[in-house]
Amino acid sequence: MLKCEDRALSQLSEYGAQPAPLNQTDGTRTAGETPPAGDAAGIARFQLEEMKAEEIVEIDLVGRTTIADTMFVASGRSDRHVGAIAEKVAAALKQAGFGPVRVEGFPACDWVLIDVGDIIVHIFRPEVRSFYNLEKIWSPDRPKEPRAG
């Protein structure tokens, strides 16, 4: 049996995603829109939308914790979709020069975490997302962490 990460990109068409056409001038792939250059959050948001991630939530963490500035929480329709989304987001962030890009959760693809320093992206299968309910944990009602110093 193939691992989720091995089969994820081969299953893109099953979820309505198609590779972008090749640019004739430089051979790179370009989509209808281009993600914001130099903005990790913008790139992550763009790729989540491109890969048809569902229920994308962006949480501003500035002043609430020191672990990151922005957190994204999104869902994929299946383990394959979760893996494909995660692969695309991680590859785009690496290509844009944001690194190191750390990824956890590929063997099962129930919950994949992408950590790029100031940006954290969580991609869940819907039932796993509802179980952990990160949006509630990081809601604006949550008290802020005290800062040392």
Protein backbone atom coordinates (compact mmCIF):
# COMPACT_ATOMS: atom_id res chain seq x y z
CA MET A 1 0.00 0.00 0.00
CA LEU A 2 1.31 3.43 -0.93
CA LYS A 3 1.82 6.09 1.69
CA CYS A 4 -0.45 9.10 1.47
CA GLU A 5 2.39 11.37 0.40
CA ASP A 6 3.28 9.06 -2.52
CA ARG A 7 -0.21 8.99 -3.96
CA ALA A 8 -1.39 12.50 -3.08
CA LEU A 9 -0.23 14.41 -6.14
CA SER A 10 -1.28 11.63 -8.50
CA GLN A 11 -4.86 12.05 -7.30
CA LEU A 12 -5.23 15.79 -7.95
CA SER A 13 -7.63 15.43 -10.87
CA GLU A 14 -10.01 13.40 -8.69
CA TYR A 15 -10.63 16.58 -6.69
CA GLY A 16 -10.95 19.00 -9.58
CA ALA A 17 -7.41 20.37 -9.48
CA GLN A 18 -5.41 20.45 -12.68
CA PRO A 19 -1.77 21.34 -13.15
CA ALA A 20 -1.37 24.93 -14.31
CA PRO A 21 -0.29 25.33 -17.94
CA LEU A 22 3.40 25.78 -18.71
CA ASN A 23 4.60 29.31 -19.32
CA GLN A 24 6.13 29.34 -22.80
CA THR A 25 8.86 31.86 -21.92
CA ASP A 26 10.48 30.20 -18.91
CA GLY A 27 8.84 26.77 -18.59
CA THR A 28 7.37 27.44 -15.15
CA ARG A 29 3.77 26.73 -14.26
CA THR A 30 1.48 29.68 -13.73
CA ALA A 31 -2.13 29.72 -12.62
CA GLY A 32 -4.79 32.28 -13.51
CA GLU A 33 -3.61 34.39 -10.59
CA THR A 34 -0.24 34.52 -8.95
CA PRO A 35 0.35 34.27 -5.23
CA PRO A 36 1.79 37.32 -3.48
CA ALA A 37 5.58 37.25 -3.67
CA GLY A 38 7.41 37.46 -0.36
CA ASP A 39 4.27 36.92 1.73
CA ALA A 40 4.19 33.44 3.30
CA ALA A 41 0.63 33.87 4.56
CA GLY A 42 -0.52 35.03 1.12
CA ILE A 43 1.17 32.08 -0.57
CA ALA A 44 -0.36 29.61 1.89
CA ARG A 45 -3.83 31.17 1.49
CA PHE A 46 -3.52 31.16 -2.31
CA GLN A 47 -2.46 27.49 -2.44
CA LEU A 48 -5.21 26.40 -0.04
CA GLU A 49 -7.76 28.10 -2.29
CA GLU A 50 -6.15 26.70 -5.47
CA MET A 51 -6.30 23.16 -4.11
CA LYS A 52 -9.95 23.54 -3.17
CA ALA A 53 -9.40 23.24 0.58
CA GLU A 54 -12.65 23.64 2.46
CA GLU A 55 -13.61 25.89 5.37
CA ILE A 56 -10.35 27.84 5.35
CA VAL A 57 -9.93 29.83 8.56
CA GLU A 58 -7.10 32.33 9.06
CA ILE A 59 -6.31 33.14 12.68
CA ASP A 60 -4.21 36.16 13.62
CA LEU A 61 -1.93 35.15 16.49
CA VAL A 62 0.01 38.41 16.85
CA GLY A 63 0.03 39.42 20.51
CA ARG A 64 -1.65 36.16 21.56
CA THR A 65 1.31 33.78 21.39
CA THR A 66 4.94 33.71 20.38
CA ILE A 67 4.74 30.46 18.39
CA ALA A 68 3.58 32.14 15.15
CA ASP A 69 1.92 35.22 13.69
CA THR A 70 -0.69 33.47 11.54
CA MET A 71 -2.40 30.10 11.68
CA PHE A 72 -4.49 28.55 8.93
CA VAL A 73 -6.96 25.75 9.56
CA ALA A 74 -8.49 24.01 6.54
CA SER A 75 -10.13 20.74 5.59
CA GLY A 76 -9.67 18.28 2.77
CA ARG A 77 -12.37 15.87 1.66
CA SER A 78 -10.27 12.71 2.21
CA ASP A 79 -6.79 11.62 3.24
CA ARG A 80 -5.68 11.91 -0.40
CA HIS A 81 -7.02 15.43 -0.69
CA VAL A 82 -5.37 16.44 2.61
CA GLY A 83 -2.04 15.05 1.37
CA ALA A 84 -2.31 16.79 -2.00
CA ILE A 85 -3.11 20.13 -0.38
CA ALA A 86 -0.22 19.79 2.06
CA GLU A 87 2.23 18.86 -0.70
CA LYS A 88 1.21 21.87 -2.78
CA VAL A 89 1.36 24.35 0.11
CA ALA A 90 4.74 23.08 1.33
CA ALA A 91 6.23 23.04 -2.18
CA ALA A 92 5.05 26.59 -2.90
CA LEU A 93 6.49 27.90 0.37
CA LYS A 94 9.82 26.14 -0.28
CA GLN A 95 9.94 27.47 -3.84
CA ALA A 96 9.29 31.00 -2.58
CA GLY A 97 12.30 30.71 -0.27
CA PHE A 98 10.52 30.31 3.04
CA GLY A 99 12.31 27.69 4.96
CA PRO A 100 12.90 25.45 6.54
CA VAL A 101 9.41 24.12 5.87
CA ARG A 102 8.62 21.42 8.42
CA VAL A 103 5.79 19.00 7.67
CA GLU A 104 4.27 16.43 10.04
CA GLY A 105 1.46 13.94 9.57
CA PHE A 106 2.00 12.52 6.09
CA PRO A 107 1.83 8.82 6.90
CA ALA A 108 -1.90 8.94 7.69
CA CYS A 109 -2.94 12.33 6.25
CA ASP A 110 -5.67 12.74 8.87
CA TRP A 111 -4.02 15.94 10.09
CA VAL A 112 -1.03 17.47 8.35
CA LEU A 113 0.85 20.32 10.02
CA ILE A 114 3.07 22.68 8.03
CA ASP A 115 5.32 24.94 10.09
CA VAL A 116 7.17 27.79 8.39
CA GLY A 117 8.16 29.77 11.46
CA ASP A 118 5.71 32.65 11.53
CA ILE A 119 3.06 30.68 9.61
CA ILE A 120 1.42 27.43 10.72
CA VAL A 121 -0.97 25.54 8.44
CA HIS A 122 -3.22 22.73 9.71
CA ILE A 123 -5.01 20.60 7.14
CA PHE A 124 -7.54 18.08 8.47
CA ARG A 125 -10.02 15.51 7.36
CA PRO A 126 -13.42 16.94 8.49
CA GLU A 127 -14.07 14.48 11.33
CA VAL A 128 -10.56 14.96 12.75
CA ARG A 129 -10.94 18.74 12.53
CA SER A 130 -14.21 18.68 14.46
CA PHE A 131 -12.64 16.46 17.15
CA TYR A 132 -9.67 18.79 17.82
CA ASN A 133 -11.60 22.03 17.17
CA LEU A 134 -8.53 24.28 16.92
CA GLU A 135 -10.67 27.26 15.97
CA LYS A 136 -12.26 27.20 19.43
CA ILE A 137 -8.91 26.81 21.17
CA TRP A 138 -7.53 29.85 19.32
CA SER A 139 -10.73 31.92 19.34
CA PRO A 140 -10.47 35.63 20.21
CA ASP A 141 -11.97 34.84 23.65
CA ARG A 142 -8.86 32.87 24.61
CA PRO A 143 -6.67 34.79 27.06
CA LYS A 144 -3.38 36.14 25.76
CA GLU A 145 -0.11 34.59 26.86
CA PRO A 146 2.01 36.78 29.14
CA ARG A 147 5.25 37.84 27.49
CA ALA A 148 8.50 37.51 29.37
CA GLY A 149 10.72 40.52 29.67
